[in-house]
Amino acid sequence: MTSGGMLGMDTDSGPQTATRIFVPSRLLAVAVLSSLISMAGFTVLVSPAQSKPEYLSEFNKKYGTQGTKLDSCQTCHTTTQDAQHLNPYGTDFGKSKHDLGAIEPLDSDGDGFSNIDEIKAGTFPGDPKDNPTTTTTTKPKPTTTTT
């Protein structure tokens, strides 16, 4: 027997502290770490420079191109809408920090026409094969049918 008359109980050692499993500071650290890992994962999975509908809306509003062929992703992109697939106009737009006015006088695609002249003509400023001289302004000839 030990002091106090009970078997297996040592009352002389004083109070013992239990390990605290739930500690608010540990919970906060886990939450912060989880958030950082999630943000890092989204950064890796999502391309940092994707096309944004507001850029196309801004373009259409500034130049009145809504409903025309310039009201498309092809105005700035070649195939897919990410930073790796920009045409020359899209590249210049990105370099200008998305300032449409700053790139108006440039000839992004090198076809001899300024971007603003191509936009006014309804041609893609990032495609050298599409310029004011390649568009036809004449109406097609009517077909004749015999009866």
N, C-alpha and C. Protein backbone atom coordinates (compact mmCIF):
# COMPACT_ATOMS: atom_id res chain seq x y z
N MET A 1 0.82 -1.18 0.00
CA MET A 1 0.00 0.00 0.00
C MET A 1 0.86 1.23 0.00
N THR A 2 0.32 2.24 -0.53
CA THR A 2 1.02 3.51 -0.56
C THR A 2 0.33 4.45 0.39
N SER A 3 0.87 5.63 0.53
CA SER A 3 0.26 6.59 1.43
C SER A 3 -1.13 6.92 0.97
N GLY A 4 -2.03 7.10 1.85
CA GLY A 4 -3.41 7.40 1.54
C GLY A 4 -4.26 6.16 1.57
N GLY A 5 -3.67 4.99 1.71
CA GLY A 5 -4.40 3.76 1.87
C GLY A 5 -4.97 3.17 0.60
N MET A 6 -4.64 3.65 -0.57
CA MET A 6 -5.19 3.09 -1.80
C MET A 6 -4.09 2.40 -2.58
N LEU A 7 -4.46 1.31 -3.19
CA LEU A 7 -3.51 0.57 -3.99
C LEU A 7 -3.29 1.24 -5.33
N GLY A 8 -2.07 1.32 -5.77
CA GLY A 8 -1.74 1.84 -7.10
C GLY A 8 -1.85 3.34 -7.24
N MET A 9 -2.16 4.06 -6.26
CA MET A 9 -2.29 5.52 -6.36
C MET A 9 -1.15 6.15 -5.59
N ASP A 10 -0.40 6.95 -6.26
CA ASP A 10 0.69 7.66 -5.59
C ASP A 10 0.24 9.08 -5.41
N THR A 11 -0.11 9.43 -4.22
CA THR A 11 -0.62 10.78 -3.96
C THR A 11 0.48 11.72 -3.54
N ASP A 12 1.69 11.23 -3.39
CA ASP A 12 2.78 12.08 -2.94
C ASP A 12 3.44 12.83 -4.08
N SER A 13 3.18 12.46 -5.35
CA SER A 13 3.90 13.09 -6.46
C SER A 13 3.32 14.44 -6.84
N GLY A 14 2.21 14.83 -6.33
CA GLY A 14 1.61 16.12 -6.65
C GLY A 14 0.76 16.03 -7.91
N PRO A 15 0.16 17.13 -8.28
CA PRO A 15 -0.72 17.10 -9.45
C PRO A 15 0.07 16.94 -10.74
N GLN A 16 -0.44 16.12 -11.65
CA GLN A 16 0.21 15.91 -12.95
C GLN A 16 -0.61 16.65 -14.01
N THR A 17 0.10 17.24 -14.97
CA THR A 17 -0.60 17.95 -16.04
C THR A 17 -0.72 17.04 -17.24
N ALA A 18 -1.88 16.99 -17.84
CA ALA A 18 -2.11 16.19 -19.03
C ALA A 18 -1.69 16.99 -20.26
N THR A 19 -1.23 16.29 -21.27
CA THR A 19 -0.86 16.95 -22.53
C THR A 19 -2.14 17.46 -23.17
N ARG A 20 -2.10 18.71 -23.53
CA ARG A 20 -3.29 19.31 -24.14
C ARG A 20 -3.29 18.98 -25.62
N ILE A 21 -4.32 18.29 -26.06
CA ILE A 21 -4.42 17.90 -27.46
C ILE A 21 -4.96 19.05 -28.29
N PHE A 22 -5.96 19.73 -27.81
CA PHE A 22 -6.56 20.84 -28.55
C PHE A 22 -5.96 22.13 -28.03
N VAL A 23 -5.10 22.70 -28.83
CA VAL A 23 -4.47 23.96 -28.48
C VAL A 23 -4.85 24.98 -29.56
N PRO A 24 -5.51 26.07 -29.23
CA PRO A 24 -5.94 27.04 -30.24
C PRO A 24 -4.80 27.55 -31.12
N SER A 25 -3.63 27.72 -30.58
CA SER A 25 -2.51 28.22 -31.40
C SER A 25 -2.10 27.18 -32.43
N ARG A 26 -2.17 25.89 -32.07
CA ARG A 26 -1.85 24.84 -33.05
C ARG A 26 -2.91 24.79 -34.15
N LEU A 27 -4.15 24.96 -33.76
CA LEU A 27 -5.23 24.96 -34.74
C LEU A 27 -5.06 26.12 -35.72
N LEU A 28 -4.71 27.27 -35.22
CA LEU A 28 -4.47 28.44 -36.07
C LEU A 28 -3.30 28.18 -37.02
N ALA A 29 -2.24 27.58 -36.52
CA ALA A 29 -1.07 27.29 -37.36
C ALA A 29 -1.44 26.31 -38.47
N VAL A 30 -2.24 25.30 -38.16
CA VAL A 30 -2.67 24.33 -39.17
C VAL A 30 -3.55 25.01 -40.21
N ALA A 31 -4.45 25.88 -39.78
CA ALA A 31 -5.34 26.59 -40.71
C ALA A 31 -4.54 27.49 -41.65
N VAL A 32 -3.58 28.20 -41.11
CA VAL A 32 -2.76 29.09 -41.93
C VAL A 32 -1.93 28.28 -42.92
N LEU A 33 -1.33 27.21 -42.46
CA LEU A 33 -0.52 26.35 -43.33
C LEU A 33 -1.38 25.75 -44.44
N SER A 34 -2.57 25.30 -44.11
CA SER A 34 -3.49 24.74 -45.12
C SER A 34 -3.85 25.79 -46.16
N SER A 35 -4.10 27.00 -45.72
CA SER A 35 -4.43 28.08 -46.66
C SER A 35 -3.28 28.36 -47.60
N LEU A 36 -2.08 28.41 -47.08
CA LEU A 36 -0.90 28.67 -47.91
C LEU A 36 -0.68 27.56 -48.93
N ILE A 37 -0.85 26.34 -48.52
CA ILE A 37 -0.69 25.21 -49.44
C ILE A 37 -1.76 25.26 -50.52
N SER A 38 -2.99 25.58 -50.14
CA SER A 38 -4.07 25.69 -51.14
C SER A 38 -3.79 26.79 -52.14
N MET A 39 -3.35 27.95 -51.67
CA MET A 39 -3.04 29.05 -52.58
C MET A 39 -1.90 28.68 -53.52
N ALA A 40 -0.90 28.00 -52.99
CA ALA A 40 0.22 27.58 -53.84
C ALA A 40 -0.27 26.59 -54.90
N GLY A 41 -1.15 25.70 -54.53
CA GLY A 41 -1.69 24.74 -55.48
C GLY A 41 -2.49 25.41 -56.58
N PHE A 42 -3.33 26.38 -56.22
CA PHE A 42 -4.10 27.09 -57.24
C PHE A 42 -3.19 27.90 -58.14
N THR A 43 -2.12 28.45 -57.60
CA THR A 43 -1.19 29.22 -58.41
C THR A 43 -0.52 28.33 -59.45
N VAL A 44 -0.20 27.12 -59.08
CA VAL A 44 0.44 26.19 -60.01
C VAL A 44 -0.56 25.70 -61.06
N LEU A 45 -1.78 25.42 -60.63
CA LEU A 45 -2.77 24.85 -61.53
C LEU A 45 -3.41 25.86 -62.48
N VAL A 46 -3.49 27.12 -62.07
CA VAL A 46 -4.15 28.14 -62.88
C VAL A 46 -3.10 29.05 -63.48
N SER A 47 -3.19 29.26 -64.77
CA SER A 47 -2.24 30.14 -65.44
C SER A 47 -2.38 31.55 -64.91
N PRO A 48 -1.27 32.23 -64.61
CA PRO A 48 -1.36 33.55 -64.02
C PRO A 48 -1.86 34.62 -64.98
N ALA A 49 -1.74 34.41 -66.26
CA ALA A 49 -2.18 35.44 -67.19
C ALA A 49 -3.11 34.83 -68.22
N GLN A 50 -4.35 34.85 -67.92
CA GLN A 50 -5.34 34.34 -68.84
C GLN A 50 -6.10 35.51 -69.43
N SER A 51 -6.76 35.21 -70.54
CA SER A 51 -7.58 36.27 -71.11
C SER A 51 -8.70 36.59 -70.16
N LYS A 52 -9.12 37.80 -70.21
CA LYS A 52 -10.18 38.22 -69.31
C LYS A 52 -11.29 38.85 -70.14
N PRO A 53 -12.51 38.47 -69.88
CA PRO A 53 -13.63 39.03 -70.64
C PRO A 53 -13.69 40.56 -70.55
N GLU A 54 -13.22 41.11 -69.44
CA GLU A 54 -13.28 42.57 -69.32
C GLU A 54 -12.35 43.26 -70.31
N TYR A 55 -11.26 42.59 -70.72
CA TYR A 55 -10.39 43.19 -71.74
C TYR A 55 -11.11 43.25 -73.08
N LEU A 56 -11.80 42.20 -73.44
CA LEU A 56 -12.55 42.19 -74.69
C LEU A 56 -13.69 43.20 -74.63
N SER A 57 -14.36 43.27 -73.49
CA SER A 57 -15.43 44.26 -73.32
C SER A 57 -14.90 45.68 -73.45
N GLU A 58 -13.74 45.92 -72.84
CA GLU A 58 -13.11 47.24 -72.92
C GLU A 58 -12.75 47.57 -74.38
N PHE A 59 -12.21 46.59 -75.09
CA PHE A 59 -11.86 46.76 -76.50
C PHE A 59 -13.11 47.10 -77.31
N ASN A 60 -14.17 46.32 -77.13
CA ASN A 60 -15.41 46.55 -77.88
C ASN A 60 -16.02 47.91 -77.57
N LYS A 61 -15.98 48.31 -76.33
CA LYS A 61 -16.54 49.61 -75.94
C LYS A 61 -15.74 50.75 -76.55
N LYS A 62 -14.43 50.64 -76.50
CA LYS A 62 -13.57 51.71 -77.01
C LYS A 62 -13.67 51.85 -78.53
N TYR A 63 -13.75 50.73 -79.23
CA TYR A 63 -13.69 50.77 -80.70
C TYR A 63 -15.02 50.45 -81.39
N GLY A 64 -16.07 50.16 -80.63
CA GLY A 64 -17.36 49.87 -81.23
C GLY A 64 -17.35 48.61 -82.08
N THR A 65 -16.70 47.58 -81.63
CA THR A 65 -16.52 46.36 -82.42
C THR A 65 -17.41 45.20 -81.98
N GLN A 66 -18.31 45.46 -81.05
CA GLN A 66 -19.17 44.37 -80.58
C GLN A 66 -19.99 43.82 -81.74
N GLY A 67 -20.02 42.51 -81.86
CA GLY A 67 -20.76 41.85 -82.93
C GLY A 67 -19.99 41.70 -84.23
N THR A 68 -18.77 42.24 -84.29
CA THR A 68 -17.94 42.09 -85.48
C THR A 68 -16.97 40.94 -85.26
N LYS A 69 -16.18 40.65 -86.27
CA LYS A 69 -15.20 39.56 -86.10
C LYS A 69 -14.15 39.92 -85.05
N LEU A 70 -13.95 41.21 -84.78
CA LEU A 70 -12.98 41.60 -83.75
C LEU A 70 -13.50 41.36 -82.34
N ASP A 71 -14.78 41.06 -82.22
CA ASP A 71 -15.38 40.74 -80.93
C ASP A 71 -15.12 39.26 -80.63
N SER A 72 -13.84 38.90 -80.60
CA SER A 72 -13.46 37.50 -80.38
C SER A 72 -12.10 37.42 -79.71
N CYS A 73 -11.81 36.26 -79.23
CA CYS A 73 -10.52 36.02 -78.56
C CYS A 73 -9.36 36.13 -79.54
N GLN A 74 -9.64 35.93 -80.84
CA GLN A 74 -8.58 35.99 -81.85
C GLN A 74 -7.97 37.39 -81.97
N THR A 75 -8.60 38.38 -81.42
CA THR A 75 -8.02 39.72 -81.48
C THR A 75 -6.67 39.74 -80.77
N CYS A 76 -6.54 38.97 -79.69
CA CYS A 76 -5.28 38.95 -78.93
C CYS A 76 -4.60 37.58 -78.87
N HIS A 77 -5.34 36.52 -79.16
CA HIS A 77 -4.81 35.16 -78.99
C HIS A 77 -4.75 34.41 -80.31
N THR A 78 -3.86 33.41 -80.34
CA THR A 78 -3.74 32.58 -81.54
C THR A 78 -4.69 31.38 -81.46
N THR A 79 -4.50 30.53 -80.46
CA THR A 79 -5.35 29.34 -80.38
C THR A 79 -6.12 29.28 -79.07
N THR A 80 -5.42 29.24 -77.96
CA THR A 80 -6.10 29.18 -76.67
C THR A 80 -5.90 30.50 -75.94
N GLN A 81 -6.74 30.71 -74.95
CA GLN A 81 -6.73 32.00 -74.26
C GLN A 81 -5.83 31.97 -73.03
N ASP A 82 -4.54 31.87 -73.25
CA ASP A 82 -3.59 31.98 -72.15
C ASP A 82 -2.37 32.77 -72.63
N ALA A 83 -1.50 33.09 -71.71
CA ALA A 83 -0.36 33.95 -72.02
C ALA A 83 0.63 33.31 -72.98
N GLN A 84 0.61 32.00 -73.11
CA GLN A 84 1.54 31.33 -74.02
C GLN A 84 1.05 31.35 -75.46
N HIS A 85 -0.17 31.76 -75.71
CA HIS A 85 -0.72 31.74 -77.06
C HIS A 85 -1.24 33.12 -77.48
N LEU A 86 -0.45 34.14 -77.25
CA LEU A 86 -0.81 35.49 -77.67
C LEU A 86 -0.30 35.76 -79.08
N ASN A 87 -1.07 36.49 -79.85
CA ASN A 87 -0.56 36.95 -81.14
C ASN A 87 0.24 38.23 -80.88
N PRO A 88 0.87 38.83 -81.89
CA PRO A 88 1.69 40.02 -81.63
C PRO A 88 0.91 41.19 -80.99
N TYR A 89 -0.35 41.36 -81.37
CA TYR A 89 -1.16 42.42 -80.77
C TYR A 89 -1.40 42.14 -79.29
N GLY A 90 -1.71 40.89 -78.96
CA GLY A 90 -1.91 40.51 -77.57
C GLY A 90 -0.64 40.68 -76.74
N THR A 91 0.49 40.37 -77.35
CA THR A 91 1.78 40.56 -76.65
C THR A 91 2.02 42.04 -76.36
N ASP A 92 1.78 42.89 -77.36
CA ASP A 92 1.95 44.34 -77.14
C ASP A 92 0.97 44.87 -76.11
N PHE A 93 -0.26 44.35 -76.13
CA PHE A 93 -1.27 44.76 -75.15
C PHE A 93 -0.81 44.42 -73.74
N GLY A 94 -0.24 43.24 -73.55
CA GLY A 94 0.28 42.86 -72.24
C GLY A 94 1.47 43.72 -71.82
N LYS A 95 2.37 43.99 -72.77
CA LYS A 95 3.55 44.81 -72.46
C LYS A 95 3.16 46.23 -72.08
N SER A 96 2.05 46.72 -72.64
CA SER A 96 1.61 48.09 -72.35
C SER A 96 0.80 48.16 -71.06
N LYS A 97 0.77 47.08 -70.31
CA LYS A 97 -0.01 46.98 -69.08
C LYS A 97 -1.49 47.19 -69.37
N HIS A 98 -1.93 46.63 -70.51
CA HIS A 98 -3.33 46.62 -70.93
C HIS A 98 -3.87 48.02 -71.22
N ASP A 99 -3.04 48.83 -71.85
CA ASP A 99 -3.43 50.18 -72.26
C ASP A 99 -3.66 50.16 -73.78
N LEU A 100 -4.92 50.10 -74.17
CA LEU A 100 -5.25 50.02 -75.60
C LEU A 100 -4.74 51.24 -76.37
N GLY A 101 -4.87 52.42 -75.80
CA GLY A 101 -4.44 53.64 -76.48
C GLY A 101 -2.95 53.67 -76.75
N ALA A 102 -2.17 53.06 -75.86
CA ALA A 102 -0.72 53.08 -76.02
C ALA A 102 -0.25 52.26 -77.22
N ILE A 103 -1.03 51.27 -77.62
CA ILE A 103 -0.59 50.42 -78.73
C ILE A 103 -1.29 50.74 -80.04
N GLU A 104 -2.14 51.74 -80.05
CA GLU A 104 -2.82 52.13 -81.30
C GLU A 104 -1.85 52.48 -82.42
N PRO A 105 -0.79 53.28 -82.17
CA PRO A 105 0.10 53.66 -83.27
C PRO A 105 1.07 52.56 -83.71
N LEU A 106 1.16 51.48 -82.92
CA LEU A 106 2.10 50.41 -83.27
C LEU A 106 1.58 49.59 -84.44
N ASP A 107 2.48 48.91 -85.09
CA ASP A 107 2.13 47.91 -86.11
C ASP A 107 2.54 46.56 -85.54
N SER A 108 1.71 46.04 -84.66
CA SER A 108 2.07 44.83 -83.91
C SER A 108 2.41 43.65 -84.81
N ASP A 109 1.66 43.45 -85.89
CA ASP A 109 1.89 42.28 -86.73
C ASP A 109 2.84 42.53 -87.88
N GLY A 110 3.36 43.75 -88.01
CA GLY A 110 4.38 44.05 -89.02
C GLY A 110 3.89 44.03 -90.45
N ASP A 111 2.61 44.29 -90.67
CA ASP A 111 2.08 44.24 -92.04
C ASP A 111 2.01 45.61 -92.72
N GLY A 112 2.55 46.63 -92.06
CA GLY A 112 2.57 47.96 -92.66
C GLY A 112 1.40 48.85 -92.28
N PHE A 113 0.50 48.35 -91.45
CA PHE A 113 -0.66 49.13 -91.02
C PHE A 113 -0.63 49.25 -89.50
N SER A 114 -0.94 50.44 -89.00
CA SER A 114 -0.97 50.62 -87.55
C SER A 114 -2.15 49.83 -86.98
N ASN A 115 -2.05 49.52 -85.71
CA ASN A 115 -3.13 48.77 -85.05
C ASN A 115 -4.46 49.49 -85.18
N ILE A 116 -4.46 50.81 -84.98
CA ILE A 116 -5.71 51.56 -85.03
C ILE A 116 -6.30 51.54 -86.44
N ASP A 117 -5.44 51.61 -87.46
CA ASP A 117 -5.96 51.54 -88.84
C ASP A 117 -6.59 50.18 -89.12
N GLU A 118 -5.99 49.13 -88.59
CA GLU A 118 -6.56 47.80 -88.79
C GLU A 118 -7.88 47.65 -88.03
N ILE A 119 -7.92 48.17 -86.83
CA ILE A 119 -9.16 48.08 -86.05
C ILE A 119 -10.28 48.84 -86.76
N LYS A 120 -9.98 50.04 -87.25
CA LYS A 120 -10.99 50.82 -87.98
C LYS A 120 -11.45 50.10 -89.25
N ALA A 121 -10.55 49.35 -89.87
CA ALA A 121 -10.90 48.60 -91.08
C ALA A 121 -11.57 47.27 -90.76
N GLY A 122 -11.62 46.91 -89.48
CA GLY A 122 -12.25 45.65 -89.09
C GLY A 122 -11.37 44.44 -89.31
N THR A 123 -10.06 44.65 -89.31
CA THR A 123 -9.13 43.53 -89.49
C THR A 123 -8.36 43.29 -88.20
N PHE A 124 -7.85 42.08 -88.05
CA PHE A 124 -7.12 41.72 -86.83
C PHE A 124 -5.75 42.40 -86.80
N PRO A 125 -5.49 43.20 -85.77
CA PRO A 125 -4.18 43.87 -85.68
C PRO A 125 -3.03 42.95 -85.30
N GLY A 126 -3.32 41.70 -84.98
CA GLY A 126 -2.28 40.74 -84.63
C GLY A 126 -2.05 39.68 -85.69
N ASP A 127 -2.67 39.84 -86.86
CA ASP A 127 -2.55 38.85 -87.93
C ASP A 127 -2.07 39.54 -89.20
N PRO A 128 -0.83 39.30 -89.62
CA PRO A 128 -0.31 40.00 -90.80
C PRO A 128 -1.04 39.62 -92.10
N LYS A 129 -1.73 38.49 -92.09
CA LYS A 129 -2.47 38.07 -93.30
C LYS A 129 -3.83 38.76 -93.40
N ASP A 130 -4.25 39.41 -92.32
CA ASP A 130 -5.53 40.08 -92.29
C ASP A 130 -5.28 41.58 -92.10
N ASN A 131 -5.37 42.34 -93.16
CA ASN A 131 -5.12 43.78 -93.08
C ASN A 131 -6.06 44.50 -94.05
N PRO A 132 -6.09 45.82 -94.01
CA PRO A 132 -7.03 46.55 -94.86
C PRO A 132 -6.93 46.25 -96.35
N THR A 133 -5.79 45.79 -96.84
CA THR A 133 -5.70 45.49 -98.28
C THR A 133 -6.22 44.09 -98.61
N THR A 134 -6.38 43.25 -97.61
CA THR A 134 -6.87 41.90 -97.87
C THR A 134 -8.38 41.79 -97.78
N THR A 135 -9.02 42.82 -97.27
CA THR A 135 -10.48 42.77 -97.16
C THR A 135 -11.10 43.32 -98.43
N THR A 136 -12.20 42.75 -98.80
CA THR A 136 -12.89 43.24 -99.98
C THR A 136 -14.07 44.09 -99.54
N THR A 137 -14.19 45.21 -100.17
CA THR A 137 -15.30 46.09 -99.84
C THR A 137 -16.36 46.08 -100.94
N THR A 138 -16.09 45.34 -102.00
CA THR A 138 -17.07 45.27 -103.08
C THR A 138 -18.06 44.16 -102.78
N LYS A 139 -19.27 44.37 -103.21
CA LYS A 139 -20.30 43.37 -103.01
C LYS A 139 -20.12 42.26 -104.04
N PRO A 140 -20.43 41.04 -103.66
CA PRO A 140 -20.31 39.95 -104.63
C PRO A 140 -21.33 40.15 -105.77
N LYS A 141 -20.93 39.67 -106.93
CA LYS A 141 -21.81 39.79 -108.10
C LYS A 141 -23.03 38.91 -107.90
N PRO A 142 -24.19 39.39 -108.33
CA PRO A 142 -25.38 38.53 -108.19
C PRO A 142 -25.31 37.35 -109.15
N THR A 143 -25.85 36.27 -108.71
CA THR A 143 -25.86 35.08 -109.58
C THR A 143 -27.11 35.14 -110.45
N THR A 144 -26.98 34.60 -111.62
CA THR A 144 -28.14 34.57 -112.51
C THR A 144 -28.63 33.15 -112.62
N THR A 145 -29.90 33.01 -112.68
CA THR A 145 -30.48 31.69 -112.86
C THR A 145 -31.35 31.71 -114.10
N THR A 146 -31.37 30.63 -114.77
CA THR A 146 -32.22 30.55 -115.97
C THR A 146 -33.43 29.72 -115.64
N THR A 147 -34.53 30.13 -116.18
CA THR A 147 -35.75 29.39 -115.93
C THR A 147 -36.37 28.91 -117.21
